[in-house]
Amino acid sequence: MGQTYFAFYWTFPVPWVGFTSLPGDLDEAAAASRTIRYSRQKARAHVAQQGGTMAPKGEVAIIELAPDRGSPEIGDAFRALLDKAATCGAKVVIVDFSGHNGWRGHQYLNQHYDHPCCEVVRAAYEDVHLTGLNPYDHFEKWRERTREKIAAKPDHRSAVLDALAEIDGVSFPARAIALNALGLQTHGGKLWTGDNLRKFLQG
């Protein structure tokens, strides 16, 4: 019998398009995220090349807490899967995208790459997903959109404050409804509520 594998997949959220969570079902998570879908393809191909088998329900997909930085929490989740694999003599495969220009490097994941149960699959620039996705082109486009969003944040805040000046004197929920009716959503692309509007004005 060949080696048993687990797999760890992760991606960043994209709040301004409403992508802030992953479905619990792996197939649904892969359908929702190109990065998860690409990582799954690479990991499964690696396991097949090694003559191994993926453990039943052994693939974990996680979304980061913020769109622009790695968190220790995701490192803890990765370490927990590695330790689980160690108890049953399994390996954990993870796809690493940081081989070109430092893209997608994640210090809280990288620190566990020397774990005896970890097998790292390095993505290459010329890699193309079955759907035609080149991960580096994909990531670069999102990095550019992230930079544009950050640069536009002061203008967005000014626009919201100007609109609020016209509807002063009513409750937070009423002002939130008015902003949404004007098509002015939060900077992250969500609808306003009384609660998030209050926090926005306190910021």
N, C-alpha and C. Protein backbone atom coordinates (compact mmCIF):
# COMPACT_ATOMS: atom_id res chain seq x y z
N MET A 1 0.85 -1.20 0.00
CA MET A 1 0.00 0.00 0.00
C MET A 1 0.88 1.24 0.00
N GLY A 2 0.53 2.24 -0.80
CA GLY A 2 1.32 3.46 -0.90
C GLY A 2 1.13 4.39 0.28
N GLN A 3 1.88 5.47 0.25
CA GLN A 3 1.83 6.48 1.29
C GLN A 3 0.46 7.16 1.34
N THR A 4 -0.04 7.39 2.55
CA THR A 4 -1.28 8.13 2.74
C THR A 4 -0.96 9.61 2.88
N TYR A 5 -1.79 10.44 2.28
CA TYR A 5 -1.56 11.89 2.28
C TYR A 5 -2.77 12.66 2.81
N PHE A 6 -2.45 13.77 3.45
CA PHE A 6 -3.41 14.85 3.68
C PHE A 6 -2.96 16.01 2.79
N ALA A 7 -3.81 17.00 2.62
CA ALA A 7 -3.44 18.18 1.84
C ALA A 7 -3.99 19.43 2.51
N PHE A 8 -3.20 20.49 2.44
CA PHE A 8 -3.59 21.77 3.06
C PHE A 8 -3.63 22.84 1.97
N TYR A 9 -4.81 23.43 1.77
CA TYR A 9 -5.00 24.46 0.77
C TYR A 9 -5.41 25.76 1.46
N TRP A 10 -4.95 26.89 0.93
CA TRP A 10 -5.32 28.17 1.55
C TRP A 10 -5.40 29.25 0.49
N THR A 11 -6.10 30.32 0.83
CA THR A 11 -6.21 31.46 -0.06
C THR A 11 -6.51 32.71 0.75
N PHE A 12 -6.34 33.85 0.12
CA PHE A 12 -6.68 35.13 0.75
C PHE A 12 -8.13 35.50 0.45
N PRO A 13 -8.78 36.23 1.35
CA PRO A 13 -10.12 36.76 1.04
C PRO A 13 -10.01 37.95 0.10
N VAL A 14 -11.10 38.23 -0.59
CA VAL A 14 -11.19 39.42 -1.44
C VAL A 14 -12.48 40.14 -1.05
N PRO A 15 -12.43 40.94 0.02
CA PRO A 15 -13.66 41.51 0.58
C PRO A 15 -14.46 42.35 -0.39
N TRP A 16 -13.80 43.10 -1.28
CA TRP A 16 -14.54 44.01 -2.15
C TRP A 16 -15.34 43.33 -3.24
N VAL A 17 -15.16 42.00 -3.39
CA VAL A 17 -16.05 41.27 -4.28
C VAL A 17 -16.93 40.30 -3.48
N GLY A 18 -16.91 40.45 -2.15
CA GLY A 18 -17.75 39.61 -1.30
C GLY A 18 -17.19 38.25 -0.99
N PHE A 19 -15.91 37.99 -1.34
CA PHE A 19 -15.30 36.69 -1.08
C PHE A 19 -14.58 36.74 0.27
N THR A 20 -15.29 36.37 1.33
CA THR A 20 -14.73 36.47 2.68
C THR A 20 -14.78 35.16 3.45
N SER A 21 -15.33 34.11 2.86
CA SER A 21 -15.39 32.83 3.54
C SER A 21 -15.41 31.71 2.50
N LEU A 22 -15.09 30.51 2.96
CA LEU A 22 -15.12 29.33 2.09
C LEU A 22 -16.20 28.37 2.56
N PRO A 23 -16.89 27.73 1.64
CA PRO A 23 -17.84 26.68 2.04
C PRO A 23 -17.10 25.55 2.74
N GLY A 24 -17.79 24.85 3.61
CA GLY A 24 -17.18 23.73 4.32
C GLY A 24 -16.90 22.54 3.42
N ASP A 25 -17.69 22.37 2.38
CA ASP A 25 -17.49 21.27 1.45
C ASP A 25 -16.33 21.60 0.50
N LEU A 26 -15.39 20.66 0.35
CA LEU A 26 -14.20 20.93 -0.45
C LEU A 26 -14.52 21.22 -1.91
N ASP A 27 -15.43 20.48 -2.51
CA ASP A 27 -15.79 20.73 -3.91
C ASP A 27 -16.37 22.12 -4.07
N GLU A 28 -17.18 22.53 -3.13
CA GLU A 28 -17.76 23.87 -3.19
C GLU A 28 -16.70 24.94 -2.97
N ALA A 29 -15.75 24.66 -2.07
CA ALA A 29 -14.64 25.59 -1.84
C ALA A 29 -13.80 25.75 -3.10
N ALA A 30 -13.54 24.64 -3.78
CA ALA A 30 -12.76 24.68 -5.02
C ALA A 30 -13.52 25.41 -6.12
N ALA A 31 -14.84 25.29 -6.12
CA ALA A 31 -15.64 26.01 -7.11
C ALA A 31 -15.64 27.51 -6.83
N ALA A 32 -15.51 27.88 -5.54
CA ALA A 32 -15.56 29.29 -5.15
C ALA A 32 -14.22 29.99 -5.32
N SER A 33 -13.12 29.23 -5.27
CA SER A 33 -11.79 29.84 -5.29
C SER A 33 -10.90 29.20 -6.34
N ARG A 34 -10.38 30.01 -7.25
CA ARG A 34 -9.44 29.49 -8.24
C ARG A 34 -8.16 28.98 -7.59
N THR A 35 -7.72 29.67 -6.55
CA THR A 35 -6.49 29.26 -5.89
C THR A 35 -6.64 27.90 -5.23
N ILE A 36 -7.77 27.68 -4.56
CA ILE A 36 -8.02 26.38 -3.94
C ILE A 36 -8.12 25.32 -5.03
N ARG A 37 -8.81 25.64 -6.10
CA ARG A 37 -8.97 24.68 -7.20
C ARG A 37 -7.63 24.32 -7.83
N TYR A 38 -6.78 25.31 -8.02
CA TYR A 38 -5.47 25.07 -8.59
C TYR A 38 -4.60 24.25 -7.63
N SER A 39 -4.61 24.61 -6.36
CA SER A 39 -3.82 23.88 -5.36
C SER A 39 -4.26 22.42 -5.27
N ARG A 40 -5.56 22.20 -5.33
CA ARG A 40 -6.07 20.83 -5.26
C ARG A 40 -5.57 20.02 -6.45
N GLN A 41 -5.60 20.62 -7.62
CA GLN A 41 -5.11 19.91 -8.80
C GLN A 41 -3.64 19.53 -8.64
N LYS A 42 -2.82 20.48 -8.19
CA LYS A 42 -1.38 20.23 -8.03
C LYS A 42 -1.12 19.17 -6.97
N ALA A 43 -1.84 19.26 -5.84
CA ALA A 43 -1.62 18.32 -4.74
C ALA A 43 -2.03 16.91 -5.14
N ARG A 44 -3.18 16.79 -5.79
CA ARG A 44 -3.64 15.46 -6.20
C ARG A 44 -2.71 14.85 -7.24
N ALA A 45 -2.18 15.68 -8.14
CA ALA A 45 -1.24 15.17 -9.13
C ALA A 45 0.04 14.68 -8.45
N HIS A 46 0.49 15.41 -7.45
CA HIS A 46 1.68 15.01 -6.71
C HIS A 46 1.48 13.67 -6.01
N VAL A 47 0.34 13.52 -5.35
CA VAL A 47 0.04 12.27 -4.65
C VAL A 47 0.02 11.11 -5.63
N ALA A 48 -0.60 11.33 -6.80
CA ALA A 48 -0.65 10.27 -7.81
C ALA A 48 0.74 9.92 -8.31
N GLN A 49 1.58 10.93 -8.52
CA GLN A 49 2.94 10.69 -8.99
C GLN A 49 3.77 9.89 -7.98
N GLN A 50 3.46 10.08 -6.70
CA GLN A 50 4.18 9.37 -5.65
C GLN A 50 3.61 7.97 -5.41
N GLY A 51 2.54 7.63 -6.13
CA GLY A 51 1.91 6.34 -5.92
C GLY A 51 1.16 6.25 -4.61
N GLY A 52 0.78 7.42 -4.07
CA GLY A 52 0.07 7.45 -2.79
C GLY A 52 -1.42 7.57 -2.95
N THR A 53 -2.10 7.71 -1.82
CA THR A 53 -3.55 7.90 -1.81
C THR A 53 -3.90 9.02 -0.84
N MET A 54 -4.90 9.80 -1.22
CA MET A 54 -5.36 10.87 -0.35
C MET A 54 -6.27 10.27 0.72
N ALA A 55 -6.05 10.64 1.96
CA ALA A 55 -6.87 10.14 3.05
C ALA A 55 -8.32 10.61 2.87
N PRO A 56 -9.29 9.79 3.22
CA PRO A 56 -10.69 10.23 3.15
C PRO A 56 -10.89 11.50 3.97
N LYS A 57 -11.46 12.49 3.37
CA LYS A 57 -11.67 13.80 4.01
C LYS A 57 -10.35 14.37 4.53
N GLY A 58 -9.28 14.07 3.83
CA GLY A 58 -7.96 14.51 4.27
C GLY A 58 -7.51 15.84 3.69
N GLU A 59 -8.37 16.48 2.88
CA GLU A 59 -8.00 17.75 2.27
C GLU A 59 -8.67 18.90 3.03
N VAL A 60 -7.86 19.85 3.46
CA VAL A 60 -8.33 20.98 4.26
C VAL A 60 -8.17 22.26 3.45
N ALA A 61 -9.22 23.06 3.38
CA ALA A 61 -9.18 24.34 2.67
C ALA A 61 -9.51 25.46 3.65
N ILE A 62 -8.63 26.46 3.71
CA ILE A 62 -8.78 27.54 4.69
C ILE A 62 -8.61 28.88 4.01
N ILE A 63 -9.36 29.87 4.47
CA ILE A 63 -9.22 31.23 3.97
C ILE A 63 -8.57 32.09 5.04
N GLU A 64 -7.69 32.98 4.63
CA GLU A 64 -6.99 33.84 5.57
C GLU A 64 -7.94 34.85 6.21
N LEU A 65 -7.45 35.50 7.28
CA LEU A 65 -8.26 36.46 8.01
C LEU A 65 -8.29 37.82 7.32
N ALA A 66 -7.20 38.18 6.65
CA ALA A 66 -7.10 39.49 6.00
C ALA A 66 -6.61 39.31 4.57
N PRO A 67 -6.91 40.27 3.68
CA PRO A 67 -6.54 40.11 2.28
C PRO A 67 -5.08 40.42 1.96
N ASP A 68 -4.34 40.97 2.92
CA ASP A 68 -3.00 41.46 2.59
C ASP A 68 -1.89 40.97 3.52
N ARG A 69 -2.16 39.98 4.36
CA ARG A 69 -1.12 39.49 5.26
C ARG A 69 -1.45 38.09 5.75
N GLY A 70 -0.39 37.34 6.06
CA GLY A 70 -0.58 36.03 6.65
C GLY A 70 -0.81 36.13 8.14
N SER A 71 -1.49 35.16 8.70
CA SER A 71 -1.80 35.19 10.13
C SER A 71 -1.23 33.96 10.81
N PRO A 72 -0.88 34.07 12.10
CA PRO A 72 -0.40 32.89 12.83
C PRO A 72 -1.47 31.82 12.96
N GLU A 73 -2.74 32.22 12.92
CA GLU A 73 -3.82 31.25 13.04
C GLU A 73 -3.78 30.19 11.94
N ILE A 74 -3.47 30.63 10.72
CA ILE A 74 -3.43 29.65 9.63
C ILE A 74 -2.20 28.75 9.77
N GLY A 75 -1.13 29.30 10.33
CA GLY A 75 0.03 28.47 10.63
C GLY A 75 -0.29 27.41 11.67
N ASP A 76 -1.08 27.78 12.65
CA ASP A 76 -1.49 26.83 13.69
C ASP A 76 -2.33 25.71 13.09
N ALA A 77 -3.21 26.07 12.16
CA ALA A 77 -4.06 25.06 11.52
C ALA A 77 -3.22 24.09 10.69
N PHE A 78 -2.22 24.61 10.01
CA PHE A 78 -1.32 23.77 9.23
C PHE A 78 -0.54 22.83 10.14
N ARG A 79 -0.02 23.37 11.24
CA ARG A 79 0.74 22.55 12.17
C ARG A 79 -0.15 21.45 12.76
N ALA A 80 -1.40 21.77 13.05
CA ALA A 80 -2.31 20.77 13.61
C ALA A 80 -2.51 19.62 12.63
N LEU A 81 -2.61 19.93 11.33
CA LEU A 81 -2.77 18.88 10.33
C LEU A 81 -1.50 18.04 10.22
N LEU A 82 -0.35 18.69 10.30
CA LEU A 82 0.92 17.96 10.28
C LEU A 82 1.03 17.00 11.46
N ASP A 83 0.64 17.47 12.62
CA ASP A 83 0.70 16.62 13.82
C ASP A 83 -0.29 15.46 13.72
N LYS A 84 -1.45 15.73 13.14
CA LYS A 84 -2.42 14.66 12.92
C LYS A 84 -1.85 13.61 11.98
N ALA A 85 -1.19 14.07 10.91
CA ALA A 85 -0.58 13.14 9.97
C ALA A 85 0.49 12.30 10.64
N ALA A 86 1.24 12.91 11.54
CA ALA A 86 2.33 12.20 12.21
C ALA A 86 1.82 11.04 13.04
N THR A 87 0.63 11.19 13.59
CA THR A 87 0.09 10.13 14.45
C THR A 87 -0.30 8.88 13.68
N CYS A 88 -0.50 9.03 12.35
CA CYS A 88 -0.92 7.87 11.56
C CYS A 88 0.04 7.56 10.42
N GLY A 89 1.24 8.13 10.49
CA GLY A 89 2.25 7.83 9.48
C GLY A 89 1.96 8.39 8.12
N ALA A 90 1.19 9.46 8.06
CA ALA A 90 0.83 10.08 6.79
C ALA A 90 1.73 11.27 6.48
N LYS A 91 1.59 11.82 5.28
CA LYS A 91 2.28 13.03 4.86
C LYS A 91 1.25 14.11 4.57
N VAL A 92 1.71 15.36 4.61
CA VAL A 92 0.84 16.49 4.26
C VAL A 92 1.48 17.22 3.08
N VAL A 93 0.73 17.38 2.00
CA VAL A 93 1.23 18.10 0.84
C VAL A 93 0.65 19.51 0.84
N ILE A 94 1.50 20.49 0.55
CA ILE A 94 1.08 21.88 0.45
C ILE A 94 1.72 22.49 -0.79
N VAL A 95 0.97 23.30 -1.51
CA VAL A 95 1.48 23.95 -2.71
C VAL A 95 2.02 25.32 -2.33
N ASP A 96 3.25 25.59 -2.71
CA ASP A 96 3.90 26.85 -2.37
C ASP A 96 4.03 27.72 -3.63
N PHE A 97 3.56 28.97 -3.52
CA PHE A 97 3.56 29.88 -4.67
C PHE A 97 4.65 30.94 -4.59
N SER A 98 5.54 30.86 -3.62
CA SER A 98 6.48 31.95 -3.38
C SER A 98 7.79 31.81 -4.13
N GLY A 99 7.85 30.95 -5.12
CA GLY A 99 9.09 30.73 -5.83
C GLY A 99 9.46 31.83 -6.81
N HIS A 100 8.50 32.69 -7.18
CA HIS A 100 8.75 33.75 -8.14
C HIS A 100 8.44 35.11 -7.52
N ASN A 101 9.46 35.97 -7.45
CA ASN A 101 9.29 37.34 -6.96
C ASN A 101 8.73 37.41 -5.54
N GLY A 102 8.89 36.35 -4.78
CA GLY A 102 8.40 36.37 -3.40
C GLY A 102 6.90 36.33 -3.28
N TRP A 103 6.19 36.01 -4.34
CA TRP A 103 4.72 36.03 -4.30
C TRP A 103 4.19 34.97 -3.36
N ARG A 104 3.20 35.35 -2.62
CA ARG A 104 2.42 34.46 -1.78
C ARG A 104 3.26 33.76 -0.69
N GLY A 105 4.43 34.30 -0.38
CA GLY A 105 5.18 33.74 0.73
C GLY A 105 4.40 33.90 2.03
N HIS A 106 4.44 32.94 2.89
CA HIS A 106 3.66 32.97 4.12
C HIS A 106 4.53 32.47 5.27
N GLN A 107 5.02 33.41 6.08
CA GLN A 107 5.98 33.04 7.12
C GLN A 107 5.43 32.02 8.11
N TYR A 108 4.13 32.06 8.38
CA TYR A 108 3.57 31.16 9.39
C TYR A 108 3.34 29.75 8.84
N LEU A 109 3.32 29.62 7.52
CA LEU A 109 3.29 28.30 6.91
C LEU A 109 4.71 27.81 6.64
N ASN A 110 5.55 28.70 6.12
CA ASN A 110 6.91 28.31 5.76
C ASN A 110 7.69 27.74 6.93
N GLN A 111 7.41 28.21 8.13
CA GLN A 111 8.18 27.76 9.29
C GLN A 111 7.93 26.29 9.62
N HIS A 112 6.90 25.71 9.00
CA HIS A 112 6.61 24.29 9.24
C HIS A 112 7.04 23.39 8.09
N TYR A 113 7.68 23.98 7.07
CA TYR A 113 8.07 23.18 5.91
C TYR A 113 9.11 22.11 6.23
N ASP A 114 9.85 22.30 7.34
CA ASP A 114 10.86 21.29 7.71
C ASP A 114 10.29 20.17 8.57
N HIS A 115 8.97 20.19 8.81
CA HIS A 115 8.33 19.12 9.55
C HIS A 115 8.50 17.81 8.78
N PRO A 116 8.82 16.72 9.46
CA PRO A 116 9.07 15.45 8.74
C PRO A 116 7.89 14.93 7.94
N CYS A 117 6.70 15.40 8.24
CA CYS A 117 5.52 14.93 7.50
C CYS A 117 5.12 15.86 6.36
N CYS A 118 5.88 16.93 6.16
CA CYS A 118 5.50 17.94 5.16
C CYS A 118 6.17 17.67 3.82
N GLU A 119 5.39 17.71 2.74
CA GLU A 119 5.92 17.65 1.38
C GLU A 119 5.43 18.90 0.63
N VAL A 120 6.37 19.73 0.20
CA VAL A 120 6.05 20.98 -0.46
C VAL A 120 6.13 20.81 -1.97
N VAL A 121 5.07 21.20 -2.66
CA VAL A 121 5.04 21.20 -4.12
C VAL A 121 5.22 22.65 -4.56
N ARG A 122 6.30 22.91 -5.28
CA ARG A 122 6.59 24.27 -5.73
C ARG A 122 5.89 24.55 -7.05
N ALA A 123 5.10 25.59 -7.07
CA ALA A 123 4.46 25.99 -8.32
C ALA A 123 5.48 26.74 -9.17
N ALA A 124 5.40 26.61 -10.47
CA ALA A 124 6.30 27.29 -11.38
C ALA A 124 5.52 28.29 -12.22
N TYR A 125 6.23 29.33 -12.70
CA TYR A 125 5.55 30.38 -13.45
C TYR A 125 4.83 29.83 -14.68
N GLU A 126 5.42 28.81 -15.29
CA GLU A 126 4.82 28.29 -16.53
C GLU A 126 3.66 27.35 -16.28
N ASP A 127 3.38 27.05 -15.01
CA ASP A 127 2.26 26.16 -14.70
C ASP A 127 0.94 26.78 -15.14
N VAL A 128 0.11 25.99 -15.75
CA VAL A 128 -1.22 26.44 -16.16
C VAL A 128 -2.25 25.42 -15.70
N HIS A 129 -3.30 25.90 -15.06
CA HIS A 129 -4.37 25.03 -14.59
C HIS A 129 -5.14 24.48 -15.79
N LEU A 130 -5.84 23.40 -15.58
CA LEU A 130 -6.64 22.81 -16.65
C LEU A 130 -7.65 23.78 -17.22
N THR A 131 -8.08 24.76 -16.42
CA THR A 131 -9.04 25.75 -16.90
C THR A 131 -8.36 26.88 -17.66
N GLY A 132 -7.02 26.85 -17.75
CA GLY A 132 -6.30 27.91 -18.43
C GLY A 132 -5.73 28.95 -17.49
N LEU A 133 -5.89 28.77 -16.18
CA LEU A 133 -5.41 29.74 -15.20
C LEU A 133 -3.90 29.61 -15.01
N ASN A 134 -3.19 30.72 -15.18
CA ASN A 134 -1.81 30.80 -14.74
C ASN A 134 -1.83 31.48 -13.38
N PRO A 135 -1.41 30.81 -12.31
CA PRO A 135 -1.59 31.37 -10.97
C PRO A 135 -0.88 32.70 -10.78
N TYR A 136 0.28 32.88 -11.38
CA TYR A 136 1.02 34.12 -11.17
C TYR A 136 0.37 35.30 -11.86
N ASP A 137 -0.16 35.09 -13.07
CA ASP A 137 -0.94 36.14 -13.71
C ASP A 137 -2.16 36.49 -12.85
N HIS A 138 -2.80 35.46 -12.34
CA HIS A 138 -3.99 35.65 -11.50
C HIS A 138 -3.65 36.45 -10.25
N PHE A 139 -2.57 36.07 -9.56
CA PHE A 139 -2.19 36.76 -8.33
C PHE A 139 -1.78 38.21 -8.60
N GLU A 140 -1.06 38.41 -9.70
CA GLU A 140 -0.60 39.77 -10.00
C GLU A 140 -1.78 40.70 -10.26
N LYS A 141 -2.81 40.21 -10.93
CA LYS A 141 -4.00 41.03 -11.17
C LYS A 141 -4.67 41.40 -9.85
N TRP A 142 -4.75 40.44 -8.92
CA TRP A 142 -5.37 40.75 -7.63
C TRP A 142 -4.51 41.67 -6.80
N ARG A 143 -3.18 41.55 -6.90
CA ARG A 143 -2.30 42.47 -6.19
C ARG A 143 -2.51 43.89 -6.69
N GLU A 144 -2.66 44.04 -8.00
CA GLU A 144 -2.89 45.36 -8.56
C GLU A 144 -4.22 45.93 -8.11
N ARG A 145 -5.24 45.09 -8.08
CA ARG A 145 -6.55 45.55 -7.62
C ARG A 145 -6.51 45.91 -6.15
N THR A 146 -5.71 45.17 -5.37
CA THR A 146 -5.56 45.49 -3.96
C THR A 146 -4.92 46.87 -3.79
N ARG A 147 -3.87 47.14 -4.55
CA ARG A 147 -3.21 48.44 -4.48
C ARG A 147 -4.18 49.57 -4.87
N GLU A 148 -4.99 49.31 -5.90
CA GLU A 148 -5.95 50.32 -6.33
C GLU A 148 -7.00 50.59 -5.24
N LYS A 149 -7.44 49.51 -4.59
CA LYS A 149 -8.44 49.66 -3.53
C LYS A 149 -7.89 50.46 -2.36
N ILE A 150 -6.65 50.16 -1.97
CA ILE A 150 -6.04 50.88 -0.85
C ILE A 150 -5.89 52.36 -1.19
N ALA A 151 -5.45 52.64 -2.43
CA ALA A 151 -5.26 54.03 -2.85
C ALA A 151 -6.58 54.79 -2.89
N ALA A 152 -7.67 54.09 -3.17
CA ALA A 152 -8.97 54.75 -3.31
C ALA A 152 -9.71 54.90 -1.98
N LYS A 153 -9.18 54.35 -0.90
CA LYS A 153 -9.90 54.35 0.38
C LYS A 153 -10.22 55.75 0.89
N PRO A 154 -9.27 56.72 0.86
CA PRO A 154 -9.62 58.08 1.33
C PRO A 154 -10.76 58.71 0.52
N ASP A 155 -10.75 58.52 -0.81
CA ASP A 155 -11.82 59.07 -1.64
C ASP A 155 -13.16 58.43 -1.31
N HIS A 156 -13.14 57.13 -1.05
CA HIS A 156 -14.37 56.44 -0.69
C HIS A 156 -14.93 57.00 0.62
N ARG A 157 -14.06 57.19 1.60
CA ARG A 157 -14.51 57.72 2.90
C ARG A 157 -15.11 59.11 2.74
N SER A 158 -14.47 59.93 1.93
CA SER A 158 -14.99 61.28 1.71
C SER A 158 -16.37 61.24 1.07
N ALA A 159 -16.55 60.35 0.12
CA ALA A 159 -17.85 60.24 -0.57
C ALA A 159 -18.94 59.82 0.40
N VAL A 160 -18.62 58.87 1.29
CA VAL A 160 -19.61 58.42 2.27
C VAL A 160 -19.95 59.55 3.25
N LEU A 161 -18.93 60.25 3.72
CA LEU A 161 -19.17 61.35 4.66
C LEU A 161 -19.98 62.47 4.02
N ASP A 162 -19.71 62.75 2.76
CA ASP A 162 -20.49 63.79 2.06
C ASP A 162 -21.96 63.37 1.97
N ALA A 163 -22.20 62.09 1.66
CA ALA A 163 -23.58 61.61 1.57
C ALA A 163 -24.27 61.66 2.93
N LEU A 164 -23.53 61.29 3.98
CA LEU A 164 -24.11 61.30 5.32
C LEU A 164 -24.47 62.72 5.77
N ALA A 165 -23.74 63.71 5.30
CA ALA A 165 -24.02 65.10 5.68
C ALA A 165 -25.41 65.53 5.21
N GLU A 166 -25.90 64.85 4.16
CA GLU A 166 -27.22 65.18 3.63
C GLU A 166 -28.34 64.44 4.34
N ILE A 167 -28.00 63.44 5.15
CA ILE A 167 -29.05 62.64 5.82
C ILE A 167 -28.77 62.58 7.32
N ASP A 168 -28.25 63.67 7.87
CA ASP A 168 -27.93 63.72 9.30
C ASP A 168 -29.22 63.79 10.12
N GLY A 169 -29.11 63.40 11.38
CA GLY A 169 -30.23 63.55 12.30
C GLY A 169 -31.16 62.36 12.36
N VAL A 170 -30.84 61.27 11.69
CA VAL A 170 -31.65 60.06 11.78
C VAL A 170 -30.80 58.94 12.36
N SER A 171 -31.41 57.82 12.64
CA SER A 171 -30.71 56.71 13.29
C SER A 171 -29.66 56.10 12.37
N PHE A 172 -28.73 55.36 12.97
CA PHE A 172 -27.71 54.67 12.18
C PHE A 172 -28.33 53.69 11.17
N PRO A 173 -29.31 52.87 11.59
CA PRO A 173 -29.92 51.96 10.61
C PRO A 173 -30.57 52.72 9.44
N ALA A 174 -31.21 53.86 9.74
CA ALA A 174 -31.86 54.64 8.68
C ALA A 174 -30.82 55.22 7.73
N ARG A 175 -29.70 55.69 8.28
CA ARG A 175 -28.64 56.23 7.42
C ARG A 175 -28.00 55.12 6.58
N ALA A 176 -27.88 53.93 7.17
CA ALA A 176 -27.32 52.80 6.43
C ALA A 176 -28.21 52.46 5.23
N ILE A 177 -29.52 52.45 5.44
CA ILE A 177 -30.46 52.18 4.35
C ILE A 177 -30.32 53.23 3.25
N ALA A 178 -30.16 54.48 3.65
CA ALA A 178 -30.03 55.56 2.68
C ALA A 178 -28.75 55.42 1.86
N LEU A 179 -27.65 55.07 2.52
CA LEU A 179 -26.38 54.88 1.79
C LEU A 179 -26.49 53.74 0.78
N ASN A 180 -27.10 52.66 1.22
CA ASN A 180 -27.25 51.51 0.32
C ASN A 180 -28.12 51.87 -0.88
N ALA A 181 -29.15 52.68 -0.65
CA ALA A 181 -30.04 53.09 -1.74
C ALA A 181 -29.29 53.96 -2.74
N LEU A 182 -28.26 54.67 -2.28
CA LEU A 182 -27.45 55.51 -3.16
C LEU A 182 -26.38 54.71 -3.90
N GLY A 183 -26.28 53.44 -3.57
CA GLY A 183 -25.25 52.62 -4.19
C GLY A 183 -23.88 52.77 -3.57
N LEU A 184 -23.82 53.40 -2.40
CA LEU A 184 -22.55 53.58 -1.68
C LEU A 184 -22.39 52.46 -0.66
N GLN A 185 -21.65 51.44 -1.01
CA GLN A 185 -21.40 50.34 -0.09
C GLN A 185 -20.15 50.61 0.72
N THR A 186 -19.81 49.69 1.61
CA THR A 186 -18.59 49.83 2.38
C THR A 186 -17.38 49.70 1.45
N HIS A 187 -16.22 50.08 1.93
CA HIS A 187 -15.02 49.96 1.10
C HIS A 187 -14.74 48.50 0.74
N GLY A 188 -15.22 47.59 1.57
CA GLY A 188 -15.07 46.16 1.29
C GLY A 188 -16.15 45.59 0.41
N GLY A 189 -17.07 46.44 -0.05
CA GLY A 189 -18.10 45.99 -0.97
C GLY A 189 -19.33 45.40 -0.32
N LYS A 190 -19.48 45.59 0.99
CA LYS A 190 -20.65 45.06 1.70
C LYS A 190 -21.71 46.15 1.85
N LEU A 191 -22.92 45.71 2.14
CA LEU A 191 -23.98 46.66 2.43
C LEU A 191 -23.77 47.26 3.81
N TRP A 192 -24.19 48.51 3.95
CA TRP A 192 -24.10 49.15 5.26
C TRP A 192 -25.16 48.61 6.19
N THR A 193 -24.81 48.53 7.46
CA THR A 193 -25.76 48.25 8.54
C THR A 193 -25.57 49.35 9.58
N GLY A 194 -26.49 49.43 10.51
CA GLY A 194 -26.33 50.42 11.57
C GLY A 194 -25.05 50.20 12.34
N ASP A 195 -24.68 48.94 12.55
CA ASP A 195 -23.51 48.62 13.35
C ASP A 195 -22.21 48.97 12.62
N ASN A 196 -22.07 48.54 11.35
CA ASN A 196 -20.79 48.84 10.68
C ASN A 196 -20.67 50.33 10.34
N LEU A 197 -21.80 51.02 10.18
CA LEU A 197 -21.74 52.46 9.95
C LEU A 197 -21.25 53.17 11.21
N ARG A 198 -21.73 52.74 12.36
CA ARG A 198 -21.28 53.33 13.62
C ARG A 198 -19.77 53.14 13.79
N LYS A 199 -19.26 51.94 13.49
CA LYS A 199 -17.83 51.68 13.60
C LYS A 199 -17.04 52.51 12.59
N PHE A 200 -17.59 52.67 11.39
CA PHE A 200 -16.94 53.48 10.36
C PHE A 200 -16.76 54.91 10.84
N LEU A 201 -17.78 55.48 11.47
CA LEU A 201 -17.72 56.87 11.91
C LEU A 201 -16.84 57.04 13.15
N GLN A 202 -16.62 55.96 13.87
CA GLN A 202 -15.73 56.02 15.03
C GLN A 202 -14.28 55.84 14.64
N GLY A 203 -14.03 55.35 13.39
CA GLY A 203 -12.68 55.06 12.95
C GLY A 203 -11.87 56.30 12.61
